[in-house]
Amino acid sequence: MKKDLHPSNYRPVAFKDMSNEEVFISRSTINAKETIEIDGVTYPLVKLEITSSSHPFYTGKQKLVDTAGRVDKFMSRYGNRNKK
């Protein structure tokens, strides 16, 4: 096997779903600027907009995720086209 092929800095990292505030811990090499304390242990924190715990495909619930006003922007541009 080749040496130094895989990263050696795997460590536990906390991932937080910002839509439902769920936190899970997994091993990763991702760099994080923030930290979080869970059960007295400090982990690097990575914030995510959507995960399997909040995605409609996995939850079975339709939910509109509009973080940048995309729907309002679309409606202001194209919403009144057929009302002439």
PDB file of N, CA and C in Angstrom:
ATOM      1  N   MET A   1       0.834  -1.189   0.000  1.00  0.00           N
ATOM      2  CA  MET A   1       0.000   0.000   0.000  1.00  0.00           C
ATOM      3  C   MET A   1       0.872   1.243   0.000  1.00  0.00           C
ATOM      4  N   LYS A   2       0.366   2.312  -0.597  1.00  0.00           N
ATOM      5  CA  LYS A   2       1.102   3.563  -0.623  1.00  0.00           C
ATOM      6  C   LYS A   2       1.073   4.233   0.742  1.00  0.00           C
ATOM      7  N   LYS A   3       2.176   4.826   1.122  1.00  0.00           N
ATOM      8  CA  LYS A   3       2.247   5.552   2.381  1.00  0.00           C
ATOM      9  C   LYS A   3       1.744   6.973   2.171  1.00  0.00           C
ATOM     10  N   ASP A   4       1.204   7.571   3.215  1.00  0.00           N
ATOM     11  CA  ASP A   4       0.709   8.950   3.229  1.00  0.00           C
ATOM     12  C   ASP A   4      -0.362   9.205   2.172  1.00  0.00           C
ATOM     13  N   LEU A   5      -1.160   8.199   1.885  1.00  0.00           N
ATOM     14  CA  LEU A   5      -2.222   8.349   0.904  1.00  0.00           C
ATOM     15  C   LEU A   5      -3.462   8.997   1.527  1.00  0.00           C
ATOM     16  N   HIS A   6      -3.796   8.617   2.747  1.00  0.00           N
ATOM     17  CA  HIS A   6      -4.978   9.130   3.418  1.00  0.00           C
ATOM     18  C   HIS A   6      -4.584  10.185   4.455  1.00  0.00           C
ATOM     19  N   PRO A   7      -5.465  11.156   4.696  1.00  0.00           N
ATOM     20  CA  PRO A   7      -5.165  12.174   5.711  1.00  0.00           C
ATOM     21  C   PRO A   7      -5.036  11.532   7.090  1.00  0.00           C
ATOM     22  N   SER A   8      -4.174  12.106   7.902  1.00  0.00           N
ATOM     23  CA  SER A   8      -3.955  11.537   9.228  1.00  0.00           C
ATOM     24  C   SER A   8      -4.636  12.347  10.325  1.00  0.00           C
ATOM     25  N   ASN A   9      -5.355  13.416   9.969  1.00  0.00           N
ATOM     26  CA  ASN A   9      -5.952  14.266  10.986  1.00  0.00           C
ATOM     27  C   ASN A   9      -7.442  14.014  11.184  1.00  0.00           C
ATOM     28  N   TYR A  10      -7.894  12.769  11.094  1.00  0.00           N
ATOM     29  CA  TYR A  10      -9.282  12.443  11.409  1.00  0.00           C
ATOM     30  C   TYR A  10      -9.519  12.681  12.884  1.00  0.00           C
ATOM     31  N   ARG A  11     -10.644  13.311  13.201  1.00  0.00           N
ATOM     32  CA  ARG A  11     -10.996  13.581  14.590  1.00  0.00           C
ATOM     33  C   ARG A  11     -12.517  13.690  14.675  1.00  0.00           C
ATOM     34  N   PRO A  12     -13.100  13.558  15.859  1.00  0.00           N
ATOM     35  CA  PRO A  12     -14.545  13.755  16.002  1.00  0.00           C
ATOM     36  C   PRO A  12     -14.915  15.219  15.767  1.00  0.00           C
ATOM     37  N   VAL A  13     -15.963  15.436  14.978  1.00  0.00           N
ATOM     38  CA  VAL A  13     -16.445  16.777  14.650  1.00  0.00           C
ATOM     39  C   VAL A  13     -17.956  16.791  14.850  1.00  0.00           C
ATOM     40  N   ALA A  14     -18.492  17.878  15.416  1.00  0.00           N
ATOM     41  CA  ALA A  14     -19.934  18.022  15.612  1.00  0.00           C
ATOM     42  C   ALA A  14     -20.515  18.760  14.407  1.00  0.00           C
ATOM     43  N   PHE A  15     -21.570  18.205  13.825  1.00  0.00           N
ATOM     44  CA  PHE A  15     -22.289  18.819  12.718  1.00  0.00           C
ATOM     45  C   PHE A  15     -23.661  19.235  13.234  1.00  0.00           C
ATOM     46  N   LYS A  16     -24.061  20.490  12.979  1.00  0.00           N
ATOM     47  CA  LYS A  16     -25.338  21.003  13.482  1.00  0.00           C
ATOM     48  C   LYS A  16     -26.229  21.397  12.320  1.00  0.00           C
ATOM     49  N   ASP A  17     -27.428  20.820  12.290  1.00  0.00           N
ATOM     50  CA  ASP A  17     -28.431  21.168  11.291  1.00  0.00           C
ATOM     51  C   ASP A  17     -29.126  22.440  11.762  1.00  0.00           C
ATOM     52  N   MET A  18     -29.001  23.533  11.010  1.00  0.00           N
ATOM     53  CA  MET A  18     -29.524  24.819  11.440  1.00  0.00           C
ATOM     54  C   MET A  18     -31.043  24.923  11.301  1.00  0.00           C
ATOM     55  N   SER A  19     -31.678  24.038  10.538  1.00  0.00           N
ATOM     56  CA  SER A  19     -33.125  24.129  10.377  1.00  0.00           C
ATOM     57  C   SER A  19     -33.886  23.472  11.523  1.00  0.00           C
ATOM     58  N   ASN A  20     -33.305  22.460  12.177  1.00  0.00           N
ATOM     59  CA  ASN A  20     -33.999  21.832  13.299  1.00  0.00           C
ATOM     60  C   ASN A  20     -33.119  21.691  14.544  1.00  0.00           C
ATOM     61  N   GLU A  21     -31.937  22.302  14.533  1.00  0.00           N
ATOM     62  CA  GLU A  21     -31.028  22.365  15.690  1.00  0.00           C
ATOM     63  C   GLU A  21     -30.518  20.997  16.147  1.00  0.00           C
ATOM     64  N   GLU A  22     -30.587  19.977  15.308  1.00  0.00           N
ATOM     65  CA  GLU A  22     -30.071  18.661  15.671  1.00  0.00           C
ATOM     66  C   GLU A  22     -28.553  18.633  15.494  1.00  0.00           C
ATOM     67  N   VAL A  23     -27.860  18.009  16.450  1.00  0.00           N
ATOM     68  CA  VAL A  23     -26.403  17.922  16.405  1.00  0.00           C
ATOM     69  C   VAL A  23     -26.015  16.446  16.375  1.00  0.00           C
ATOM     70  N   PHE A  24     -25.095  16.102  15.491  1.00  0.00           N
ATOM     71  CA  PHE A  24     -24.555  14.741  15.487  1.00  0.00           C
ATOM     72  C   PHE A  24     -23.043  14.812  15.358  1.00  0.00           C
ATOM     73  N   ILE A  25     -22.377  13.795  15.847  1.00  0.00           N
ATOM     74  CA  ILE A  25     -20.918  13.755  15.869  1.00  0.00           C
ATOM     75  C   ILE A  25     -20.444  12.650  14.932  1.00  0.00           C
ATOM     76  N   SER A  26     -19.469  13.002  14.106  1.00  0.00           N
ATOM     77  CA  SER A  26     -18.874  12.056  13.178  1.00  0.00           C
ATOM     78  C   SER A  26     -17.395  12.378  13.050  1.00  0.00           C
ATOM     79  N   ARG A  27     -16.635  11.446  12.529  1.00  0.00           N
ATOM     80  CA  ARG A  27     -15.207  11.703  12.327  1.00  0.00           C
ATOM     81  C   ARG A  27     -15.014  12.367  10.979  1.00  0.00           C
ATOM     82  N   SER A  28     -14.146  13.399  10.951  1.00  0.00           N
ATOM     83  CA  SER A  28     -13.929  14.150   9.726  1.00  0.00           C
ATOM     84  C   SER A  28     -12.581  14.855   9.774  1.00  0.00           C
ATOM     85  N   THR A  29     -12.149  15.350   8.617  1.00  0.00           N
ATOM     86  CA  THR A  29     -10.924  16.146   8.532  1.00  0.00           C
ATOM     87  C   THR A  29     -11.239  17.604   8.230  1.00  0.00           C
ATOM     88  N   ILE A  30     -12.518  17.980   8.227  1.00  0.00           N
ATOM     89  CA  ILE A  30     -12.932  19.335   7.866  1.00  0.00           C
ATOM     90  C   ILE A  30     -12.417  20.348   8.896  1.00  0.00           C
ATOM     91  N   ASN A  31     -12.027  21.528   8.392  1.00  0.00           N
ATOM     92  CA  ASN A  31     -11.589  22.599   9.282  1.00  0.00           C
ATOM     93  C   ASN A  31     -12.810  23.385   9.735  1.00  0.00           C
ATOM     94  N   ALA A  32     -12.870  23.701  11.035  1.00  0.00           N
ATOM     95  CA  ALA A  32     -13.999  24.438  11.592  1.00  0.00           C
ATOM     96  C   ALA A  32     -13.488  25.615  12.402  1.00  0.00           C
ATOM     97  N   LYS A  33     -14.221  26.733  12.313  1.00  0.00           N
ATOM     98  CA  LYS A  33     -13.830  27.934  13.049  1.00  0.00           C
ATOM     99  C   LYS A  33     -14.469  27.986  14.436  1.00  0.00           C
ATOM    100  N   GLU A  34     -15.615  27.319  14.608  1.00  0.00           N
ATOM    101  CA  GLU A  34     -16.335  27.363  15.867  1.00  0.00           C
ATOM    102  C   GLU A  34     -16.201  26.039  16.597  1.00  0.00           C
ATOM    103  N   THR A  35     -16.500  26.072  17.899  1.00  0.00           N
ATOM    104  CA  THR A  35     -16.501  24.858  18.712  1.00  0.00           C
ATOM    105  C   THR A  35     -17.804  24.784  19.490  1.00  0.00           C
ATOM    106  N   ILE A  36     -18.121  23.583  19.956  1.00  0.00           N
ATOM    107  CA  ILE A  36     -19.301  23.357  20.769  1.00  0.00           C
ATOM    108  C   ILE A  36     -18.943  22.341  21.842  1.00  0.00           C
ATOM    109  N   GLU A  37     -19.550  22.488  23.013  1.00  0.00           N
ATOM    110  CA  GLU A  37     -19.298  21.548  24.097  1.00  0.00           C
ATOM    111  C   GLU A  37     -20.508  20.641  24.255  1.00  0.00           C
ATOM    112  N   ILE A  38     -20.262  19.334  24.169  1.00  0.00           N
ATOM    113  CA  ILE A  38     -21.304  18.330  24.315  1.00  0.00           C
ATOM    114  C   ILE A  38     -20.837  17.328  25.352  1.00  0.00           C
ATOM    115  N   ASP A  39     -21.595  17.199  26.427  1.00  0.00           N
ATOM    116  CA  ASP A  39     -21.276  16.272  27.519  1.00  0.00           C
ATOM    117  C   ASP A  39     -19.877  16.500  28.079  1.00  0.00           C
ATOM    118  N   GLY A  40     -19.466  17.741  28.182  1.00  0.00           N
ATOM    119  CA  GLY A  40     -18.177  18.079  28.759  1.00  0.00           C
ATOM    120  C   GLY A  40     -16.998  17.949  27.827  1.00  0.00           C
ATOM    121  N   VAL A  41     -17.237  17.595  26.569  1.00  0.00           N
ATOM    122  CA  VAL A  41     -16.170  17.450  25.582  1.00  0.00           C
ATOM    123  C   VAL A  41     -16.354  18.539  24.526  1.00  0.00           C
ATOM    124  N   THR A  42     -15.279  19.226  24.167  1.00  0.00           N
ATOM    125  CA  THR A  42     -15.333  20.277  23.164  1.00  0.00           C
ATOM    126  C   THR A  42     -14.991  19.703  21.795  1.00  0.00           C
ATOM    127  N   TYR A  43     -15.894  19.974  20.820  1.00  0.00           N
ATOM    128  CA  TYR A  43     -15.726  19.486  19.456  1.00  0.00           C
ATOM    129  C   TYR A  43     -15.692  20.677  18.496  1.00  0.00           C
ATOM    130  N   PRO A  44     -14.990  20.560  17.371  1.00  0.00           N
ATOM    131  CA  PRO A  44     -15.130  21.567  16.310  1.00  0.00           C
ATOM    132  C   PRO A  44     -16.563  21.502  15.778  1.00  0.00           C
ATOM    133  N   LEU A  45     -17.153  22.661  15.445  1.00  0.00           N
ATOM    134  CA  LEU A  45     -18.547  22.719  15.017  1.00  0.00           C
ATOM    135  C   LEU A  45     -18.640  23.149  13.558  1.00  0.00           C
ATOM    136  N   VAL A  46     -19.409  22.376  12.773  1.00  0.00           N
ATOM    137  CA  VAL A  46     -19.696  22.700  11.382  1.00  0.00           C
ATOM    138  C   VAL A  46     -21.211  22.868  11.272  1.00  0.00           C
ATOM    139  N   LYS A  47     -21.660  24.027  10.797  1.00  0.00           N
ATOM    140  CA  LYS A  47     -23.087  24.303  10.660  1.00  0.00           C
ATOM    141  C   LYS A  47     -23.532  23.978   9.242  1.00  0.00           C
ATOM    142  N   LEU A  48     -24.655  23.238   9.146  1.00  0.00           N
ATOM    143  CA  LEU A  48     -25.198  22.827   7.860  1.00  0.00           C
ATOM    144  C   LEU A  48     -26.614  23.352   7.705  1.00  0.00           C
ATOM    145  N   GLU A  49     -26.997  23.710   6.491  1.00  0.00           N
ATOM    146  CA  GLU A  49     -28.352  24.202   6.243  1.00  0.00           C
ATOM    147  C   GLU A  49     -29.367  23.057   6.245  1.00  0.00           C
ATOM    148  N   ILE A  50     -28.983  21.917   5.686  1.00  0.00           N
ATOM    149  CA  ILE A  50     -29.921  20.804   5.581  1.00  0.00           C
ATOM    150  C   ILE A  50     -29.162  19.490   5.688  1.00  0.00           C
ATOM    151  N   THR A  51     -29.726  18.544   6.425  1.00  0.00           N
ATOM    152  CA  THR A  51     -29.134  17.216   6.578  1.00  0.00           C
ATOM    153  C   THR A  51     -30.229  16.175   6.358  1.00  0.00           C
ATOM    154  N   SER A  52     -29.908  14.916   6.575  1.00  0.00           N
ATOM    155  CA  SER A  52     -30.909  13.869   6.403  1.00  0.00           C
ATOM    156  C   SER A  52     -32.017  13.969   7.450  1.00  0.00           C
ATOM    157  N   SER A  53     -31.770  14.646   8.571  1.00  0.00           N
ATOM    158  CA  SER A  53     -32.816  14.781   9.582  1.00  0.00           C
ATOM    159  C   SER A  53     -33.820  15.878   9.244  1.00  0.00           C
ATOM    160  N   SER A  54     -33.529  16.724   8.254  1.00  0.00           N
ATOM    161  CA  SER A  54     -34.468  17.780   7.892  1.00  0.00           C
ATOM    162  C   SER A  54     -34.825  17.783   6.403  1.00  0.00           C
ATOM    163  N   HIS A  55     -34.199  16.950   5.593  1.00  0.00           N
ATOM    164  CA  HIS A  55     -34.473  16.928   4.153  1.00  0.00           C
ATOM    165  C   HIS A  55     -35.826  16.250   3.893  1.00  0.00           C
ATOM    166  N   PRO A  56     -36.667  16.849   3.036  1.00  0.00           N
ATOM    167  CA  PRO A  56     -37.994  16.280   2.781  1.00  0.00           C
ATOM    168  C   PRO A  56     -37.971  14.854   2.253  1.00  0.00           C
ATOM    169  N   PHE A  57     -36.960  14.471   1.513  1.00  0.00           N
ATOM    170  CA  PHE A  57     -36.894  13.106   0.995  1.00  0.00           C
ATOM    171  C   PHE A  57     -36.814  12.094   2.128  1.00  0.00           C
ATOM    172  N   TYR A  58     -36.046  12.398   3.167  1.00  0.00           N
ATOM    173  CA  TYR A  58     -35.853  11.466   4.278  1.00  0.00           C
ATOM    174  C   TYR A  58     -36.928  11.591   5.346  1.00  0.00           C
ATOM    175  N   THR A  59     -37.511  12.765   5.520  1.00  0.00           N
ATOM    176  CA  THR A  59     -38.514  12.952   6.569  1.00  0.00           C
ATOM    177  C   THR A  59     -39.920  12.678   6.086  1.00  0.00           C
ATOM    178  N   GLY A  60     -40.163  12.778   4.768  1.00  0.00           N
ATOM    179  CA  GLY A  60     -41.500  12.575   4.244  1.00  0.00           C
ATOM    180  C   GLY A  60     -42.380  13.801   4.379  1.00  0.00           C
ATOM    181  N   LYS A  61     -41.849  14.898   4.848  1.00  0.00           N
ATOM    182  CA  LYS A  61     -42.609  16.131   5.033  1.00  0.00           C
ATOM    183  C   LYS A  61     -42.092  17.182   4.061  1.00  0.00           C
ATOM    184  N   GLN A  62     -43.014  17.844   3.371  1.00  0.00           N
ATOM    185  CA  GLN A  62     -42.616  18.938   2.498  1.00  0.00           C
ATOM    186  C   GLN A  62     -42.386  20.174   3.347  1.00  0.00           C
ATOM    187  N   LYS A  63     -41.278  20.828   3.129  1.00  0.00           N
ATOM    188  CA  LYS A  63     -40.951  22.019   3.889  1.00  0.00           C
ATOM    189  C   LYS A  63     -40.246  22.982   2.948  1.00  0.00           C
ATOM    190  N   LEU A  64     -40.666  24.225   2.963  1.00  0.00           N
ATOM    191  CA  LEU A  64     -40.053  25.233   2.114  1.00  0.00           C
ATOM    192  C   LEU A  64     -38.842  25.805   2.831  1.00  0.00           C
ATOM    193  N   VAL A  65     -37.674  25.669   2.214  1.00  0.00           N
ATOM    194  CA  VAL A  65     -36.444  26.225   2.762  1.00  0.00           C
ATOM    195  C   VAL A  65     -36.074  27.404   1.880  1.00  0.00           C
ATOM    196  N   ASP A  66     -36.297  28.603   2.381  1.00  0.00           N
ATOM    197  CA  ASP A  66     -36.052  29.813   1.612  1.00  0.00           C
ATOM    198  C   ASP A  66     -35.159  30.724   2.446  1.00  0.00           C
ATOM    199  N   THR A  67     -33.861  30.549   2.331  1.00  0.00           N
ATOM    200  CA  THR A  67     -32.940  31.317   3.159  1.00  0.00           C
ATOM    201  C   THR A  67     -32.526  32.622   2.519  1.00  0.00           C
ATOM    202  N   ALA A  68     -32.724  32.779   1.224  1.00  0.00           N
ATOM    203  CA  ALA A  68     -32.249  33.986   0.550  1.00  0.00           C
ATOM    204  C   ALA A  68     -33.370  34.746  -0.148  1.00  0.00           C
ATOM    205  N   GLY A  69     -34.642  34.445   0.146  1.00  0.00           N
ATOM    206  CA  GLY A  69     -35.750  35.150  -0.486  1.00  0.00           C
ATOM    207  C   GLY A  69     -35.937  34.784  -1.935  1.00  0.00           C
ATOM    208  N   ARG A  70     -35.592  33.567  -2.318  1.00  0.00           N
ATOM    209  CA  ARG A  70     -35.651  33.160  -3.719  1.00  0.00           C
ATOM    210  C   ARG A  70     -37.089  33.133  -4.249  1.00  0.00           C
ATOM    211  N   VAL A  71     -38.020  32.683  -3.420  1.00  0.00           N
ATOM    212  CA  VAL A  71     -39.408  32.593  -3.869  1.00  0.00           C
ATOM    213  C   VAL A  71     -39.970  33.989  -4.091  1.00  0.00           C
ATOM    214  N   ASP A  72     -39.722  34.919  -3.178  1.00  0.00           N
ATOM    215  CA  ASP A  72     -40.202  36.288  -3.338  1.00  0.00           C
ATOM    216  C   ASP A  72     -39.586  36.950  -4.562  1.00  0.00           C
ATOM    217  N   LYS A  73     -38.327  36.701  -4.793  1.00  0.00           N
ATOM    218  CA  LYS A  73     -37.648  37.275  -5.951  1.00  0.00           C
ATOM    219  C   LYS A  73     -38.254  36.731  -7.251  1.00  0.00           C
ATOM    220  N   PHE A  74     -38.549  35.435  -7.284  1.00  0.00           N
ATOM    221  CA  PHE A  74     -39.166  34.824  -8.456  1.00  0.00           C
ATOM    222  C   PHE A  74     -40.557  35.399  -8.686  1.00  0.00           C
ATOM    223  N   MET A  75     -41.349  35.508  -7.622  1.00  0.00           N
ATOM    224  CA  MET A  75     -42.707  36.015  -7.757  1.00  0.00           C
ATOM    225  C   MET A  75     -42.726  37.468  -8.213  1.00  0.00           C
ATOM    226  N   SER A  76     -41.779  38.278  -7.753  1.00  0.00           N
ATOM    227  CA  SER A  76     -41.750  39.669  -8.189  1.00  0.00           C
ATOM    228  C   SER A  76     -41.372  39.783  -9.662  1.00  0.00           C
ATOM    229  N   ARG A  77     -40.571  38.862 -10.162  1.00  0.00           N
ATOM    230  CA  ARG A  77     -40.181  38.897 -11.575  1.00  0.00           C
ATOM    231  C   ARG A  77     -41.235  38.288 -12.486  1.00  0.00           C
ATOM    232  N   TYR A  78     -41.727  37.099 -12.129  1.00  0.00           N
ATOM    233  CA  TYR A  78     -42.542  36.316 -13.055  1.00  0.00           C
ATOM    234  C   TYR A  78     -43.952  36.037 -12.563  1.00  0.00           C
ATOM    235  N   GLY A  79     -44.303  36.491 -11.387  1.00  0.00           N
ATOM    236  CA  GLY A  79     -45.606  36.135 -10.795  1.00  0.00           C
ATOM    237  C   GLY A  79     -46.797  36.726 -11.497  1.00  0.00           C
ATOM    238  N   ASN A  80     -46.704  37.903 -12.091  1.00  0.00           N
ATOM    239  CA  ASN A  80     -47.851  38.580 -12.677  1.00  0.00           C
ATOM    240  C   ASN A  80     -47.891  38.484 -14.203  1.00  0.00           C
ATOM    241  N   ARG A  81     -47.238  37.550 -14.804  1.00  0.00           N
ATOM    242  CA  ARG A  81     -47.199  37.449 -16.274  1.00  0.00           C
ATOM    243  C   ARG A  81     -48.524  37.072 -16.887  1.00  0.00           C
ATOM    244  N   ASN A  82     -49.290  36.209 -16.261  1.00  0.00           N
ATOM    245  CA  ASN A  82     -50.539  35.732 -16.843  1.00  0.00           C
ATOM    246  C   ASN A  82     -51.756  36.559 -16.423  1.00  0.00           C
ATOM    247  N   LYS A  83     -51.598  37.611 -15.661  1.00  0.00           N
ATOM    248  CA  LYS A  83     -52.721  38.381 -15.156  1.00  0.00           C
ATOM    249  C   LYS A  83     -53.027  39.611 -16.007  1.00  0.00           C
ATOM    250  N   LYS A  84     -52.652  39.620 -17.271  1.00  0.00           N
ATOM    251  CA  LYS A  84     -52.905  40.785 -18.148  1.00  0.00           C
ATOM    252  C   LYS A  84     -54.181  40.646 -18.910  1.00  0.00           C
TER     253      LYS A  84
END
